[in-house]
C-alpha atoms as a PDB file:
ATOM      1  CA  MET A   1     -34.675 -10.633 -51.468  1.00  0.00           C
ATOM      2  CA  LYS A   2     -32.924 -14.019 -51.223  1.00  0.00           C
ATOM      3  CA  ARG A   3     -29.636 -12.252 -50.671  1.00  0.00           C
ATOM      4  CA  LEU A   4     -31.151 -10.140 -47.869  1.00  0.00           C
ATOM      5  CA  ARG A   5     -32.532 -13.279 -46.140  1.00  0.00           C
ATOM      6  CA  TRP A   6     -29.178 -15.019 -46.558  1.00  0.00           C
ATOM      7  CA  LEU A   7     -27.346 -12.025 -44.992  1.00  0.00           C
ATOM      8  CA  ALA A   8     -29.851 -11.918 -42.121  1.00  0.00           C
ATOM      9  CA  CYS A   9     -29.283 -15.656 -41.476  1.00  0.00           C
ATOM     10  CA  VAL A  10     -25.502 -15.207 -41.515  1.00  0.00           C
ATOM     11  CA  ALA A  11     -25.761 -12.245 -39.123  1.00  0.00           C
ATOM     12  CA  LEU A  12     -28.057 -14.205 -36.783  1.00  0.00           C
ATOM     13  CA  LEU A  13     -25.728 -17.216 -36.852  1.00  0.00           C
ATOM     14  CA  ALA A  14     -22.692 -15.012 -36.123  1.00  0.00           C
ATOM     15  CA  ALA A  15     -24.481 -13.265 -33.246  1.00  0.00           C
ATOM     16  CA  SER A  16     -25.576 -16.618 -31.776  1.00  0.00           C
ATOM     17  CA  ARG A  17     -22.037 -18.002 -32.024  1.00  0.00           C
ATOM     18  CA  THR A  18     -20.558 -14.875 -30.387  1.00  0.00           C
ATOM     19  CA  ALA A  19     -23.096 -15.066 -27.555  1.00  0.00           C
ATOM     20  CA  ALA A  20     -22.290 -18.755 -27.017  1.00  0.00           C
ATOM     21  CA  ILE A  21     -18.548 -18.078 -26.913  1.00  0.00           C
ATOM     22  CA  GLN A  22     -19.014 -15.206 -24.458  1.00  0.00           C
ATOM     23  CA  ALA A  23     -21.236 -17.318 -22.221  1.00  0.00           C
ATOM     24  CA  ALA A  24     -18.751 -20.198 -22.274  1.00  0.00           C
ATOM     25  CA  ALA A  25     -15.956 -17.795 -21.379  1.00  0.00           C
ATOM     26  CA  GLY A  26     -17.977 -16.263 -18.572  1.00  0.00           C
ATOM     27  CA  ALA A  27     -18.236 -12.872 -20.264  1.00  0.00           C
ATOM     28  CA  ASP A  28     -21.627 -12.308 -18.630  1.00  0.00           C
ATOM     29  CA  ALA A  29     -20.073 -12.738 -15.175  1.00  0.00           C
ATOM     30  CA  LEU A  30     -19.003  -9.930 -12.880  1.00  0.00           C
ATOM     31  CA  PRO A  31     -16.066  -7.773 -13.997  1.00  0.00           C
ATOM     32  CA  LEU A  32     -12.669  -9.262 -13.235  1.00  0.00           C
ATOM     33  CA  PRO A  33     -10.927  -8.014 -10.082  1.00  0.00           C
ATOM     34  CA  PRO A  34      -7.741  -5.933 -10.650  1.00  0.00           C
ATOM     35  CA  GLU A  35      -5.419  -8.819  -9.733  1.00  0.00           C
ATOM     36  CA  ALA A  36      -7.043 -11.051 -12.372  1.00  0.00           C
ATOM     37  CA  LEU A  37      -6.614  -8.341 -15.017  1.00  0.00           C
ATOM     38  CA  ILE A  38      -2.908  -8.064 -14.148  1.00  0.00           C
ATOM     39  CA  LEU A  39      -2.481 -11.854 -14.473  1.00  0.00           C
ATOM     40  CA  GLU A  40      -4.391 -11.841 -17.768  1.00  0.00           C
ATOM     41  CA  ARG A  41      -2.015  -9.186 -19.180  1.00  0.00           C
ATOM     42  CA  MET A  42       0.964 -11.324 -18.165  1.00  0.00           C
ATOM     43  CA  GLN A  43      -0.140 -14.286 -20.296  1.00  0.00           C
ATOM     44  CA  GLY A  44       2.590 -15.570 -22.565  1.00  0.00           C
ATOM     45  CA  LEU A  45       6.072 -17.047 -22.406  1.00  0.00           C
ATOM     46  CA  TRP A  46       8.780 -15.316 -20.340  1.00  0.00           C
ATOM     47  CA  GLU A  47      12.463 -16.171 -19.903  1.00  0.00           C
ATOM     48  CA  GLY A  48      14.877 -14.450 -17.562  1.00  0.00           C
ATOM     49  CA  GLU A  49      17.869 -14.353 -15.281  1.00  0.00           C
ATOM     50  CA  GLY A  50      18.628 -13.122 -11.814  1.00  0.00           C
ATOM     51  CA  THR A  51      19.390 -14.563  -8.400  1.00  0.00           C
ATOM     52  CA  TRP A  52      17.953 -17.729  -6.902  1.00  0.00           C
ATOM     53  CA  LEU A  53      18.918 -19.145  -3.503  1.00  0.00           C
ATOM     54  CA  GLY A  54      21.927 -16.842  -3.294  1.00  0.00           C
ATOM     55  CA  ALA A  55      23.395 -17.763  -6.692  1.00  0.00           C
ATOM     56  CA  LYS A  56      22.823 -16.886 -10.338  1.00  0.00           C
ATOM     57  CA  GLY A  57      19.645 -18.354 -11.738  1.00  0.00           C
ATOM     58  CA  ARG A  58      17.788 -18.732 -15.011  1.00  0.00           C
ATOM     59  CA  GLY A  59      14.001 -18.983 -15.126  1.00  0.00           C
ATOM     60  CA  ARG A  60      11.069 -19.562 -17.406  1.00  0.00           C
ATOM     61  CA  LEU A  61       7.405 -18.646 -16.919  1.00  0.00           C
ATOM     62  CA  ALA A  62       4.576 -19.791 -19.152  1.00  0.00           C
ATOM     63  CA  ILE A  63       1.225 -18.210 -18.294  1.00  0.00           C
ATOM     64  CA  THR A  64      -1.752 -19.512 -20.241  1.00  0.00           C
ATOM     65  CA  ALA A  65      -5.522 -19.761 -20.093  1.00  0.00           C
ATOM     66  CA  VAL A  66      -6.530 -23.435 -19.762  1.00  0.00           C
ATOM     67  CA  LEU A  67      -9.639 -25.603 -19.514  1.00  0.00           C
ATOM     68  CA  GLU A  68     -11.850 -23.539 -21.808  1.00  0.00           C
ATOM     69  CA  GLY A  69     -10.463 -20.310 -20.330  1.00  0.00           C
ATOM     70  CA  ARG A  70     -11.900 -20.997 -16.886  1.00  0.00           C
ATOM     71  CA  PHE A  71      -8.451 -21.181 -15.238  1.00  0.00           C
ATOM     72  CA  THR A  72      -5.022 -19.638 -15.726  1.00  0.00           C
ATOM     73  CA  ARG A  73      -1.980 -21.874 -15.394  1.00  0.00           C
ATOM     74  CA  LEU A  74       1.397 -20.437 -14.419  1.00  0.00           C
ATOM     75  CA  GLU A  75       4.286 -22.817 -15.102  1.00  0.00           C
ATOM     76  CA  TYR A  76       7.513 -21.845 -13.316  1.00  0.00           C
ATOM     77  CA  ARG A  77      10.890 -23.441 -14.034  1.00  0.00           C
ATOM     78  CA  VAL A  78      14.195 -22.273 -12.556  1.00  0.00           C
ATOM     79  CA  GLU A  79      17.728 -23.601 -12.348  1.00  0.00           C
ATOM     80  CA  GLY A  80      20.986 -22.469 -10.840  1.00  0.00           C
ATOM     81  CA  VAL A  81      23.678 -21.228 -13.204  1.00  0.00           C
ATOM     82  CA  GLY A  82      27.351 -22.006 -12.608  1.00  0.00           C
ATOM     83  CA  VAL A  83      26.753 -24.321  -9.654  1.00  0.00           C
ATOM     84  CA  GLU A  84      27.413 -28.037  -9.440  1.00  0.00           C
ATOM     85  CA  PRO A  85      25.350 -30.043  -9.184  1.00  0.00           C
ATOM     86  CA  VAL A  86      22.809 -27.987 -11.132  1.00  0.00           C
ATOM     87  CA  LEU A  87      19.828 -27.242  -8.921  1.00  0.00           C
ATOM     88  CA  ARG A  88      16.421 -27.277 -10.624  1.00  0.00           C
ATOM     89  CA  PHE A  89      12.964 -26.432  -9.382  1.00  0.00           C
ATOM     90  CA  ALA A  90       9.541 -26.610 -11.030  1.00  0.00           C
ATOM     91  CA  GLY A  91       6.117 -25.462  -9.930  1.00  0.00           C
ATOM     92  CA  ASP A  92       2.684 -24.998 -11.437  1.00  0.00           C
ATOM     93  CA  ALA A  93      -0.102 -22.762 -10.178  1.00  0.00           C
ATOM     94  CA  TYR A  94      -3.732 -22.815 -11.237  1.00  0.00           C
ATOM     95  CA  TYR A  95      -5.727 -19.617 -10.679  1.00  0.00           C
ATOM     96  CA  ALA A  96      -9.430 -18.805 -10.958  1.00  0.00           C
ATOM     97  CA  VAL A  97     -11.720 -15.983  -9.890  1.00  0.00           C
ATOM     98  CA  SER A  98     -14.227 -16.968  -7.229  1.00  0.00           C
ATOM     99  CA  GLY A  99     -16.255 -14.696  -5.006  1.00  0.00           C
ATOM    100  CA  GLY A 100     -14.737 -11.649  -6.704  1.00  0.00           C
ATOM    101  CA  ARG A 101     -11.154 -12.654  -5.773  1.00  0.00           C
ATOM    102  CA  LEU A 102      -8.305 -14.327  -7.647  1.00  0.00           C
ATOM    103  CA  SER A 103      -7.014 -17.383  -5.821  1.00  0.00           C
ATOM    104  CA  GLY A 104      -5.427 -20.673  -6.712  1.00  0.00           C
ATOM    105  CA  THR A 105      -3.325 -23.652  -5.760  1.00  0.00           C
ATOM    106  CA  TRP A 106       0.427 -24.215  -6.139  1.00  0.00           C
ATOM    107  CA  PHE A 107       2.070 -27.605  -6.778  1.00  0.00           C
ATOM    108  CA  ASP A 108       5.846 -28.044  -7.002  1.00  0.00           C
ATOM    109  CA  SER A 109       8.670 -30.512  -7.544  1.00  0.00           C
ATOM    110  CA  GLN A 110       9.402 -30.645  -3.808  1.00  0.00           C
ATOM    111  CA  GLY A 111       5.924 -32.024  -3.144  1.00  0.00           C
ATOM    112  CA  ASN A 112       4.527 -28.771  -1.755  1.00  0.00           C
ATOM    113  CA  ILE A 113       0.894 -27.810  -2.225  1.00  0.00           C
ATOM    114  CA  HIS A 114      -0.028 -24.266  -1.175  1.00  0.00           C
ATOM    115  CA  PRO A 115      -3.233 -22.270  -1.377  1.00  0.00           C
ATOM    116  CA  LEU A 116      -2.684 -18.963  -3.179  1.00  0.00           C
ATOM    117  CA  GLN A 117      -4.359 -15.624  -2.471  1.00  0.00           C
ATOM    118  CA  ALA A 118      -3.690 -12.841  -4.986  1.00  0.00           C
ATOM    119  CA  ARG A 119      -4.092  -9.099  -4.697  1.00  0.00           C
ATOM    120  CA  ALA A 120      -3.202  -6.017  -6.702  1.00  0.00           C
ATOM    121  CA  ALA A 121      -0.776  -3.595  -5.028  1.00  0.00           C
ATOM    122  CA  ASP A 122       0.575  -0.486  -6.775  1.00  0.00           C
ATOM    123  CA  GLY A 123       0.072  -2.051 -10.212  1.00  0.00           C
ATOM    124  CA  ALA A 124       1.781  -5.316  -9.243  1.00  0.00           C
ATOM    125  CA  LEU A 125       0.332  -8.762  -8.657  1.00  0.00           C
ATOM    126  CA  VAL A 126       1.183  -9.977  -5.148  1.00  0.00           C
ATOM    127  CA  VAL A 127       0.500 -13.634  -4.367  1.00  0.00           C
ATOM    128  CA  ASP A 128       0.579 -14.898  -0.789  1.00  0.00           C
ATOM    129  CA  TRP A 129       1.240 -18.630  -0.591  1.00  0.00           C
ATOM    130  CA  GLY A 130       0.428 -20.818   2.354  1.00  0.00           C
ATOM    131  CA  PRO A 131      -2.528 -21.016   4.729  1.00  0.00           C
ATOM    132  CA  LEU A 132      -5.017 -18.145   4.513  1.00  0.00           C
ATOM    133  CA  GLY A 133      -4.017 -15.460   6.997  1.00  0.00           C
ATOM    134  CA  GLU A 134      -0.709 -17.200   7.779  1.00  0.00           C
ATOM    135  CA  PRO A 135       1.251 -17.135   4.506  1.00  0.00           C
ATOM    136  CA  LYS A 136       4.586 -18.945   4.310  1.00  0.00           C
ATOM    137  CA  GLY A 137       5.734 -16.570   1.594  1.00  0.00           C
ATOM    138  CA  ARG A 138       4.803 -14.255  -1.221  1.00  0.00           C
ATOM    139  CA  THR A 139       5.663 -13.633  -4.834  1.00  0.00           C
ATOM    140  CA  THR A 140       5.429 -10.202  -6.443  1.00  0.00           C
ATOM    141  CA  TYR A 141       5.061  -9.838 -10.222  1.00  0.00           C
ATOM    142  CA  ARG A 142       5.697  -6.299 -11.496  1.00  0.00           C
ATOM    143  CA  ARG A 143       5.653  -5.292 -15.164  1.00  0.00           C
ATOM    144  CA  VAL A 144       8.618  -3.068 -15.999  1.00  0.00           C
ATOM    145  CA  ASP A 145       7.306  -2.380 -19.490  1.00  0.00           C
ATOM    146  CA  ALA A 146       5.523  -4.269 -22.281  1.00  0.00           C
ATOM    147  CA  VAL A 147       8.300  -6.870 -22.602  1.00  0.00           C
ATOM    148  CA  GLN A 148       9.885  -7.060 -19.138  1.00  0.00           C
ATOM    149  CA  LEU A 149       8.593  -8.558 -15.894  1.00  0.00           C
ATOM    150  CA  ASP A 150      10.285  -8.504 -12.475  1.00  0.00           C
ATOM    151  CA  VAL A 151       9.466 -11.379 -10.102  1.00  0.00           C
ATOM    152  CA  VAL A 152      10.536 -11.394  -6.453  1.00  0.00           C
ATOM    153  CA  ASP A 153      10.032 -14.418  -4.173  1.00  0.00           C
ATOM    154  CA  GLU A 154      10.122 -14.046  -0.400  1.00  0.00           C
ATOM    155  CA  ALA A 155       9.758 -16.561   2.426  1.00  0.00           C
ATOM    156  CA  LYS A 156       8.426 -15.694   5.858  1.00  0.00           C
ATOM    157  CA  GLY A 157      10.953 -16.130   8.653  1.00  0.00           C
ATOM    158  CA  LYS A 158      10.308 -17.305  12.200  1.00  0.00           C
ATOM    159  CA  ASP A 159      10.269 -13.670  13.306  1.00  0.00           C
ATOM    160  CA  GLY A 160       7.428 -12.938  10.864  1.00  0.00           C
ATOM    161  CA  SER A 161       9.481 -10.855   8.447  1.00  0.00           C
ATOM    162  CA  PHE A 162       9.812 -11.704   4.766  1.00  0.00           C
ATOM    163  CA  ARG A 163      13.238 -12.493   3.295  1.00  0.00           C
ATOM    164  CA  GLU A 164      13.971 -12.477  -0.418  1.00  0.00           C
ATOM    165  CA  PHE A 165      15.276 -15.743  -1.882  1.00  0.00           C
ATOM    166  CA  ALA A 166      14.826 -15.106  -5.607  1.00  0.00           C
ATOM    167  CA  ARG A 167      14.739 -12.102  -7.935  1.00  0.00           C
ATOM    168  CA  MET A 168      14.433 -12.486 -11.694  1.00  0.00           C
ATOM    169  CA  ARG A 169      13.944 -10.135 -14.620  1.00  0.00           C
ATOM    170  CA  TYR A 170      12.010 -11.862 -17.388  1.00  0.00           C
ATOM    171  CA  GLN A 171      11.723 -10.949 -21.071  1.00  0.00           C
ATOM    172  CA  ARG A 172       8.599 -11.728 -23.066  1.00  0.00           C
ATOM    173  CA  LYS A 173       9.304 -14.272 -25.816  1.00  0.00           C
END
């Protein structure tokens, strides 16, 4: 009988702890929108190469849940390869789901701060950066397979069209 009570107490304690963890993580909230699920699946460390500002580039992405899992941080680092002086750029984005949408804020080494609006498009994560409704650019993250990620950055020109300025293929580390 003592053993049965002890097992019941352990089961109750485990259930209470699981419920507390789920509540803290927001598990009782609405289901995540598709763009948030794509970002969640991209979590991890990525390193890659491609083109950046018309030259060869090397990049690094670190995508992690932060602040008790309430936000996702995307750390972006890129540098030119084979150019002197070596050009480097760094930016961090913080994303959260609010009102059923994934949005965030971008901060970078050039002093830029941009609002971010994310959406899912054909299985990719597309992030518009800049004022809502008048983006200055967009970044598209597309999984190639379980260990590869293509990232394309585009800036909006004066004529309203988007022009690519970076394209990297990342490998999961």
